[in-house]
PDB file of all heavy atoms in Angstrom:
ATOM      1  N   GLY A   1     -18.395  23.406  83.072  1.00  0.00           N
ATOM      2  CA  GLY A   1     -17.656  23.617  81.847  1.00  0.00           C
ATOM      3  C   GLY A   1     -16.216  23.198  81.963  1.00  0.00           C
ATOM      4  O   GLY A   1     -15.601  22.851  80.967  1.00  0.00           O
ATOM      5  N   LEU A   2     -15.717  23.182  83.168  1.00  0.00           N
ATOM      6  CA  LEU A   2     -14.311  22.765  83.373  1.00  0.00           C
ATOM      7  C   LEU A   2     -14.141  21.293  83.603  1.00  0.00           C
ATOM      8  O   LEU A   2     -13.024  20.791  83.619  1.00  0.00           O
ATOM      9  CB  LEU A   2     -13.733  23.561  84.601  1.00  0.00           C
ATOM     10  CG  LEU A   2     -13.524  25.058  84.411  1.00  0.00           C
ATOM     11  CD1 LEU A   2     -13.136  25.654  85.677  1.00  0.00           C
ATOM     12  CD2 LEU A   2     -12.523  25.316  83.300  1.00  0.00           C
ATOM     13  N   ARG A   3     -15.242  20.559  83.773  1.00  0.00           N
ATOM     14  CA  ARG A   3     -15.128  19.124  84.063  1.00  0.00           C
ATOM     15  C   ARG A   3     -14.565  18.434  82.782  1.00  0.00           C
ATOM     16  O   ARG A   3     -14.746  18.850  81.657  1.00  0.00           O
ATOM     17  CB  ARG A   3     -16.490  18.535  84.342  1.00  0.00           C
ATOM     18  CG  ARG A   3     -17.028  19.025  85.647  1.00  0.00           C
ATOM     19  CD  ARG A   3     -18.124  18.127  86.183  1.00  0.00           C
ATOM     20  NE  ARG A   3     -18.909  18.758  87.201  1.00  0.00           N
ATOM     21  CZ  ARG A   3     -18.498  19.033  88.441  1.00  0.00           C
ATOM     22  NH1 ARG A   3     -17.280  18.713  88.781  1.00  0.00           N
ATOM     23  NH2 ARG A   3     -19.299  19.604  89.309  1.00  0.00           N
ATOM     24  N   ARG A   4     -13.871  17.342  83.065  1.00  0.00           N
ATOM     25  CA  ARG A   4     -13.245  16.542  82.005  1.00  0.00           C
ATOM     26  C   ARG A   4     -14.390  15.951  81.154  1.00  0.00           C
ATOM     27  O   ARG A   4     -15.347  15.388  81.660  1.00  0.00           O
ATOM     28  CB  ARG A   4     -12.392  15.469  82.620  1.00  0.00           C
ATOM     29  CG  ARG A   4     -11.825  14.537  81.597  1.00  0.00           C
ATOM     30  CD  ARG A   4     -10.813  13.608  82.243  1.00  0.00           C
ATOM     31  NE  ARG A   4      -9.501  14.040  81.790  1.00  0.00           N
ATOM     32  CZ  ARG A   4      -8.388  13.664  82.323  1.00  0.00           C
ATOM     33  NH1 ARG A   4      -8.356  12.895  83.374  1.00  0.00           N
ATOM     34  NH2 ARG A   4      -7.220  14.047  81.841  1.00  0.00           N
ATOM     35  N   ARG A   5     -14.204  15.993  79.870  1.00  0.00           N
ATOM     36  CA  ARG A   5     -15.154  15.420  78.896  1.00  0.00           C
ATOM     37  C   ARG A   5     -14.703  14.036  78.502  1.00  0.00           C
ATOM     38  O   ARG A   5     -13.505  13.761  78.468  1.00  0.00           O
ATOM     39  CB  ARG A   5     -15.294  16.306  77.665  1.00  0.00           C
ATOM     40  CG  ARG A   5     -15.939  17.651  78.033  1.00  0.00           C
ATOM     41  CD  ARG A   5     -16.099  18.455  76.768  1.00  0.00           C
ATOM     42  NE  ARG A   5     -16.181  19.876  77.104  1.00  0.00           N
ATOM     43  CZ  ARG A   5     -15.168  20.700  77.144  1.00  0.00           C
ATOM     44  NH1 ARG A   5     -13.960  20.323  76.847  1.00  0.00           N
ATOM     45  NH2 ARG A   5     -15.325  21.958  77.475  1.00  0.00           N
ATOM     46  N   PRO A   6     -15.653  13.166  78.127  1.00  0.00           N
ATOM     47  CA  PRO A   6     -15.213  11.847  77.607  1.00  0.00           C
ATOM     48  C   PRO A   6     -14.352  12.005  76.326  1.00  0.00           C
ATOM     49  O   PRO A   6     -14.566  12.966  75.589  1.00  0.00           O
ATOM     50  CB  PRO A   6     -16.524  11.102  77.305  1.00  0.00           C
ATOM     51  CG  PRO A   6     -17.615  12.016  77.666  1.00  0.00           C
ATOM     52  CD  PRO A   6     -17.066  13.308  78.165  1.00  0.00           C
ATOM     53  N   ALA A   7     -13.490  11.081  76.128  1.00  0.00           N
ATOM     54  CA  ALA A   7     -12.616  11.144  74.921  1.00  0.00           C
ATOM     55  C   ALA A   7     -13.505  11.071  73.679  1.00  0.00           C
ATOM     56  O   ALA A   7     -14.456  10.299  73.592  1.00  0.00           O
ATOM     57  CB  ALA A   7     -11.618   9.976  74.962  1.00  0.00           C
ATOM     58  N   THR A   8     -13.088  11.812  72.703  1.00  0.00           N
ATOM     59  CA  THR A   8     -13.816  11.781  71.403  1.00  0.00           C
ATOM     60  C   THR A   8     -13.123  10.759  70.509  1.00  0.00           C
ATOM     61  O   THR A   8     -12.010  10.293  70.784  1.00  0.00           O
ATOM     62  CB  THR A   8     -13.868  13.144  70.775  1.00  0.00           C
ATOM     63  OG1 THR A   8     -12.502  13.567  70.524  1.00  0.00           O
ATOM     64  CG2 THR A   8     -14.543  14.171  71.589  1.00  0.00           C
ATOM     65  N   GLY A   9     -13.722  10.468  69.442  1.00  0.00           N
ATOM     66  CA  GLY A   9     -13.169   9.561  68.509  1.00  0.00           C
ATOM     67  C   GLY A   9     -14.099   8.392  68.198  1.00  0.00           C
ATOM     68  O   GLY A   9     -15.195   8.352  68.783  1.00  0.00           O
ATOM     69  N   ARG A  10     -13.615   7.520  67.346  1.00  0.00           N
ATOM     70  CA  ARG A  10     -14.454   6.411  66.988  1.00  0.00           C
ATOM     71  C   ARG A  10     -14.676   5.464  68.149  1.00  0.00           C
ATOM     72  O   ARG A  10     -13.695   5.108  68.826  1.00  0.00           O
ATOM     73  CB  ARG A  10     -13.745   5.685  65.828  1.00  0.00           C
ATOM     74  CG  ARG A  10     -14.556   4.543  65.251  1.00  0.00           C
ATOM     75  CD  ARG A  10     -13.756   3.848  64.159  1.00  0.00           C
ATOM     76  NE  ARG A  10     -14.629   2.862  63.576  1.00  0.00           N
ATOM     77  CZ  ARG A  10     -14.770   2.692  62.260  1.00  0.00           C
ATOM     78  NH1 ARG A  10     -14.182   3.473  61.458  1.00  0.00           N
ATOM     79  NH2 ARG A  10     -15.552   1.737  61.825  1.00  0.00           N
ATOM     80  N   PRO A  11     -15.852   5.032  68.400  1.00  0.00           N
ATOM     81  CA  PRO A  11     -16.071   4.053  69.487  1.00  0.00           C
ATOM     82  C   PRO A  11     -15.445   2.703  69.135  1.00  0.00           C
ATOM     83  O   PRO A  11     -15.318   2.392  67.932  1.00  0.00           O
ATOM     84  CB  PRO A  11     -17.603   3.959  69.603  1.00  0.00           C
ATOM     85  CG  PRO A  11     -18.124   4.394  68.208  1.00  0.00           C
ATOM     86  CD  PRO A  11     -17.112   5.407  67.731  1.00  0.00           C
ATOM     87  N   PRO A  12     -15.068   1.965  70.142  1.00  0.00           N
ATOM     88  CA  PRO A  12     -14.463   0.623  69.839  1.00  0.00           C
ATOM     89  C   PRO A  12     -15.419  -0.308  69.133  1.00  0.00           C
ATOM     90  O   PRO A  12     -16.653  -0.216  69.344  1.00  0.00           O
ATOM     91  CB  PRO A  12     -14.078   0.079  71.209  1.00  0.00           C
ATOM     92  CG  PRO A  12     -14.746   0.999  72.240  1.00  0.00           C
ATOM     93  CD  PRO A  12     -15.156   2.269  71.564  1.00  0.00           C
ATOM     94  N   LYS A  13     -14.901  -1.156  68.281  1.00  0.00           N
ATOM     95  CA  LYS A  13     -15.737  -2.086  67.549  1.00  0.00           C
ATOM     96  C   LYS A  13     -16.327  -3.176  68.417  1.00  0.00           C
ATOM     97  O   LYS A  13     -17.403  -3.719  68.145  1.00  0.00           O
ATOM     98  CB  LYS A  13     -14.935  -2.792  66.400  1.00  0.00           C
ATOM     99  CG  LYS A  13     -14.653  -1.865  65.253  1.00  0.00           C
ATOM    100  CD  LYS A  13     -13.974  -2.639  64.113  1.00  0.00           C
ATOM    101  CE  LYS A  13     -13.772  -1.752  62.919  1.00  0.00           C
ATOM    102  NZ  LYS A  13     -13.182  -2.533  61.838  1.00  0.00           N
ATOM    103  N   LEU A  14     -15.643  -3.503  69.518  1.00  0.00           N
ATOM    104  CA  LEU A  14     -16.114  -4.539  70.442  1.00  0.00           C
ATOM    105  C   LEU A  14     -16.549  -3.939  71.793  1.00  0.00           C
ATOM    106  O   LEU A  14     -15.800  -3.113  72.345  1.00  0.00           O
ATOM    107  CB  LEU A  14     -15.006  -5.573  70.711  1.00  0.00           C
ATOM    108  CG  LEU A  14     -14.431  -6.328  69.552  1.00  0.00           C
ATOM    109  CD1 LEU A  14     -13.314  -7.217  69.997  1.00  0.00           C
ATOM    110  CD2 LEU A  14     -15.537  -7.129  68.881  1.00  0.00           C
ATOM    111  N   ASP A  15     -17.772  -4.240  72.213  1.00  0.00           N
ATOM    112  CA  ASP A  15     -18.176  -3.764  73.511  1.00  0.00           C
ATOM    113  C   ASP A  15     -17.613  -4.630  74.608  1.00  0.00           C
ATOM    114  O   ASP A  15     -16.937  -5.623  74.356  1.00  0.00           O
ATOM    115  CB  ASP A  15     -19.703  -3.648  73.635  1.00  0.00           C
ATOM    116  CG  ASP A  15     -20.397  -5.004  73.457  1.00  0.00           C
ATOM    117  OD1 ASP A  15     -19.795  -6.052  73.773  1.00  0.00           O
ATOM    118  OD2 ASP A  15     -21.569  -5.030  73.001  1.00  0.00           O
ATOM    119  N   ASP A  16     -17.818  -4.269  75.880  1.00  0.00           N
ATOM    120  CA  ASP A  16     -17.207  -4.975  76.969  1.00  0.00           C
ATOM    121  C   ASP A  16     -17.618  -6.473  77.051  1.00  0.00           C
ATOM    122  O   ASP A  16     -16.820  -7.346  77.337  1.00  0.00           O
ATOM    123  CB  ASP A  16     -17.519  -4.311  78.299  1.00  0.00           C
ATOM    124  CG  ASP A  16     -16.872  -2.946  78.425  1.00  0.00           C
ATOM    125  OD1 ASP A  16     -15.857  -2.703  77.714  1.00  0.00           O
ATOM    126  OD2 ASP A  16     -17.335  -2.149  79.258  1.00  0.00           O
ATOM    127  N   ALA A  17     -18.889  -6.761  76.698  1.00  0.00           N
ATOM    128  CA  ALA A  17     -19.380  -8.117  76.768  1.00  0.00           C
ATOM    129  C   ALA A  17     -18.674  -8.959  75.668  1.00  0.00           C
ATOM    130  O   ALA A  17     -18.292 -10.103  75.930  1.00  0.00           O
ATOM    131  CB  ALA A  17     -20.877  -8.160  76.522  1.00  0.00           C
ATOM    132  N   GLN A  18     -18.454  -8.404  74.480  1.00  0.00           N
ATOM    133  CA  GLN A  18     -17.770  -9.117  73.431  1.00  0.00           C
ATOM    134  C   GLN A  18     -16.296  -9.344  73.833  1.00  0.00           C
ATOM    135  O   GLN A  18     -15.758 -10.421  73.555  1.00  0.00           O
ATOM    136  CB  GLN A  18     -17.829  -8.346  72.153  1.00  0.00           C
ATOM    137  CG  GLN A  18     -19.225  -8.305  71.537  1.00  0.00           C
ATOM    138  CD  GLN A  18     -19.291  -7.382  70.309  1.00  0.00           C
ATOM    139  OE1 GLN A  18     -18.829  -6.242  70.401  1.00  0.00           O
ATOM    140  NE2 GLN A  18     -19.888  -7.801  69.245  1.00  0.00           N
ATOM    141  N   VAL A  19     -15.669  -8.366  74.443  1.00  0.00           N
ATOM    142  CA  VAL A  19     -14.255  -8.513  74.869  1.00  0.00           C
ATOM    143  C   VAL A  19     -14.156  -9.659  75.848  1.00  0.00           C
ATOM    144  O   VAL A  19     -13.233 -10.479  75.805  1.00  0.00           O
ATOM    145  CB  VAL A  19     -13.727  -7.207  75.432  1.00  0.00           C
ATOM    146  CG1 VAL A  19     -12.358  -7.422  76.089  1.00  0.00           C
ATOM    147  CG2 VAL A  19     -13.623  -6.103  74.354  1.00  0.00           C
ATOM    148  N   GLU A  20     -15.125  -9.769  76.796  1.00  0.00           N
ATOM    149  CA  GLU A  20     -15.076 -10.848  77.740  1.00  0.00           C
ATOM    150  C   GLU A  20     -15.272 -12.199  77.071  1.00  0.00           C
ATOM    151  O   GLU A  20     -14.697 -13.225  77.458  1.00  0.00           O
ATOM    152  CB  GLU A  20     -16.074 -10.595  78.849  1.00  0.00           C
ATOM    153  CG  GLU A  20     -15.678  -9.570  79.840  1.00  0.00           C
ATOM    154  CD  GLU A  20     -14.287  -9.779  80.371  1.00  0.00           C
ATOM    155  OE1 GLU A  20     -13.935 -10.897  80.835  1.00  0.00           O
ATOM    156  OE2 GLU A  20     -13.463  -8.836  80.345  1.00  0.00           O
ATOM    157  N   ARG A  21     -16.116 -12.271  76.079  1.00  0.00           N
ATOM    158  CA  ARG A  21     -16.291 -13.511  75.307  1.00  0.00           C
ATOM    159  C   ARG A  21     -15.017 -13.880  74.596  1.00  0.00           C
ATOM    160  O   ARG A  21     -14.657 -15.047  74.540  1.00  0.00           O
ATOM    161  CB  ARG A  21     -17.477 -13.391  74.300  1.00  0.00           C
ATOM    162  CG  ARG A  21     -18.811 -13.380  74.986  1.00  0.00           C
ATOM    163  CD  ARG A  21     -20.003 -13.766  74.094  1.00  0.00           C
ATOM    164  NE  ARG A  21     -19.900 -13.357  72.736  1.00  0.00           N
ATOM    165  CZ  ARG A  21     -20.601 -12.276  72.213  1.00  0.00           C
ATOM    166  NH1 ARG A  21     -21.354 -11.547  73.011  1.00  0.00           N
ATOM    167  NH2 ARG A  21     -20.480 -11.970  70.957  1.00  0.00           N
ATOM    168  N   VAL A  22     -14.300 -12.886  74.025  1.00  0.00           N
ATOM    169  CA  VAL A  22     -13.083 -13.159  73.364  1.00  0.00           C
ATOM    170  C   VAL A  22     -12.049 -13.629  74.400  1.00  0.00           C
ATOM    171  O   VAL A  22     -11.275 -14.601  74.139  1.00  0.00           O
ATOM    172  CB  VAL A  22     -12.526 -11.875  72.656  1.00  0.00           C
ATOM    173  CG1 VAL A  22     -11.088 -12.002  72.240  1.00  0.00           C
ATOM    174  CG2 VAL A  22     -13.447 -11.522  71.492  1.00  0.00           C
ATOM    175  N   ARG A  23     -11.978 -12.980  75.576  1.00  0.00           N
ATOM    176  CA  ARG A  23     -11.038 -13.438  76.637  1.00  0.00           C
ATOM    177  C   ARG A  23     -11.273 -14.869  76.995  1.00  0.00           C
ATOM    178  O   ARG A  23     -10.340 -15.705  77.085  1.00  0.00           O
ATOM    179  CB  ARG A  23     -11.182 -12.555  77.893  1.00  0.00           C
ATOM    180  CG  ARG A  23     -10.265 -12.961  79.028  1.00  0.00           C
ATOM    181  CD  ARG A  23     -10.592 -12.324  80.366  1.00  0.00           C
ATOM    182  NE  ARG A  23     -10.756 -10.877  80.300  1.00  0.00           N
ATOM    183  CZ  ARG A  23      -9.725 -10.015  80.418  1.00  0.00           C
ATOM    184  NH1 ARG A  23      -8.486 -10.460  80.608  1.00  0.00           N
ATOM    185  NH2 ARG A  23      -9.965  -8.711  80.343  1.00  0.00           N
ATOM    186  N   THR A  24     -12.571 -15.248  77.215  1.00  0.00           N
ATOM    187  CA  THR A  24     -12.894 -16.650  77.540  1.00  0.00           C
ATOM    188  C   THR A  24     -12.453 -17.606  76.424  1.00  0.00           C
ATOM    189  O   THR A  24     -11.881 -18.679  76.750  1.00  0.00           O
ATOM    190  CB  THR A  24     -14.403 -16.793  77.806  1.00  0.00           C
ATOM    191  OG1 THR A  24     -14.783 -15.854  78.847  1.00  0.00           O
ATOM    192  CG2 THR A  24     -14.795 -18.168  78.190  1.00  0.00           C
ATOM    193  N   ALA A  25     -12.682 -17.248  75.201  1.00  0.00           N
ATOM    194  CA  ALA A  25     -12.271 -18.082  74.101  1.00  0.00           C
ATOM    195  C   ALA A  25     -10.778 -18.244  74.009  1.00  0.00           C
ATOM    196  O   ALA A  25     -10.269 -19.364  73.803  1.00  0.00           O
ATOM    197  CB  ALA A  25     -12.827 -17.519  72.779  1.00  0.00           C
ATOM    198  N   LEU A  26     -10.028 -17.164  74.206  1.00  0.00           N
ATOM    199  CA  LEU A  26      -8.570 -17.216  74.144  1.00  0.00           C
ATOM    200  C   LEU A  26      -7.968 -18.024  75.293  1.00  0.00           C
ATOM    201  O   LEU A  26      -6.964 -18.723  75.111  1.00  0.00           O
ATOM    202  CB  LEU A  26      -7.987 -15.843  74.131  1.00  0.00           C
ATOM    203  CG  LEU A  26      -8.328 -14.969  72.873  1.00  0.00           C
ATOM    204  CD1 LEU A  26      -7.692 -13.587  73.002  1.00  0.00           C
ATOM    205  CD2 LEU A  26      -7.907 -15.654  71.584  1.00  0.00           C
ATOM    206  N   GLU A  27      -8.574 -17.953  76.426  1.00  0.00           N
ATOM    207  CA  GLU A  27      -8.101 -18.717  77.594  1.00  0.00           C
ATOM    208  C   GLU A  27      -8.271 -20.200  77.426  1.00  0.00           C
ATOM    209  O   GLU A  27      -7.614 -20.971  78.119  1.00  0.00           O
ATOM    210  CB  GLU A  27      -8.759 -18.191  78.876  1.00  0.00           C
ATOM    211  CG  GLU A  27      -8.262 -16.835  79.309  1.00  0.00           C
ATOM    212  CD  GLU A  27      -9.020 -16.261  80.476  1.00  0.00           C
ATOM    213  OE1 GLU A  27     -10.130 -16.786  80.855  1.00  0.00           O
ATOM    214  OE2 GLU A  27      -8.557 -15.239  81.038  1.00  0.00           O
ATOM    215  N   GLN A  28      -9.123 -20.630  76.539  1.00  0.00           N
ATOM    216  CA  GLN A  28      -9.302 -22.053  76.227  1.00  0.00           C
ATOM    217  C   GLN A  28      -8.063 -22.620  75.512  1.00  0.00           C
ATOM    218  O   GLN A  28      -7.853 -23.847  75.511  1.00  0.00           O
ATOM    219  CB  GLN A  28     -10.521 -22.296  75.380  1.00  0.00           C
ATOM    220  CG  GLN A  28     -11.817 -21.990  76.095  1.00  0.00           C
ATOM    221  CD  GLN A  28     -13.023 -22.022  75.174  1.00  0.00           C
ATOM    222  OE1 GLN A  28     -12.871 -22.162  73.960  1.00  0.00           O
ATOM    223  NE2 GLN A  28     -14.199 -21.862  75.739  1.00  0.00           N
ATOM    224  N   GLY A  29      -7.292 -21.761  74.884  1.00  0.00           N
ATOM    225  CA  GLY A  29      -6.093 -22.194  74.142  1.00  0.00           C
ATOM    226  C   GLY A  29      -6.342 -22.318  72.679  1.00  0.00           C
ATOM    227  O   GLY A  29      -7.495 -22.453  72.244  1.00  0.00           O
ATOM    228  N   ALA A  30      -5.274 -22.211  71.921  1.00  0.00           N
ATOM    229  CA  ALA A  30      -5.393 -22.253  70.467  1.00  0.00           C
ATOM    230  C   ALA A  30      -5.829 -23.599  69.934  1.00  0.00           C
ATOM    231  O   ALA A  30      -6.604 -23.683  68.966  1.00  0.00           O
ATOM    232  CB  ALA A  30      -4.037 -21.852  69.856  1.00  0.00           C
TER     233      ALA A  30
END
């Protein structure tokens, strides 16, 4: 009962795989 609980709130719109795809796209340059 005393253990830390995960943060509540709205989950992020982008999952980790999508964030990595965005990172790859941005690193290509504008």
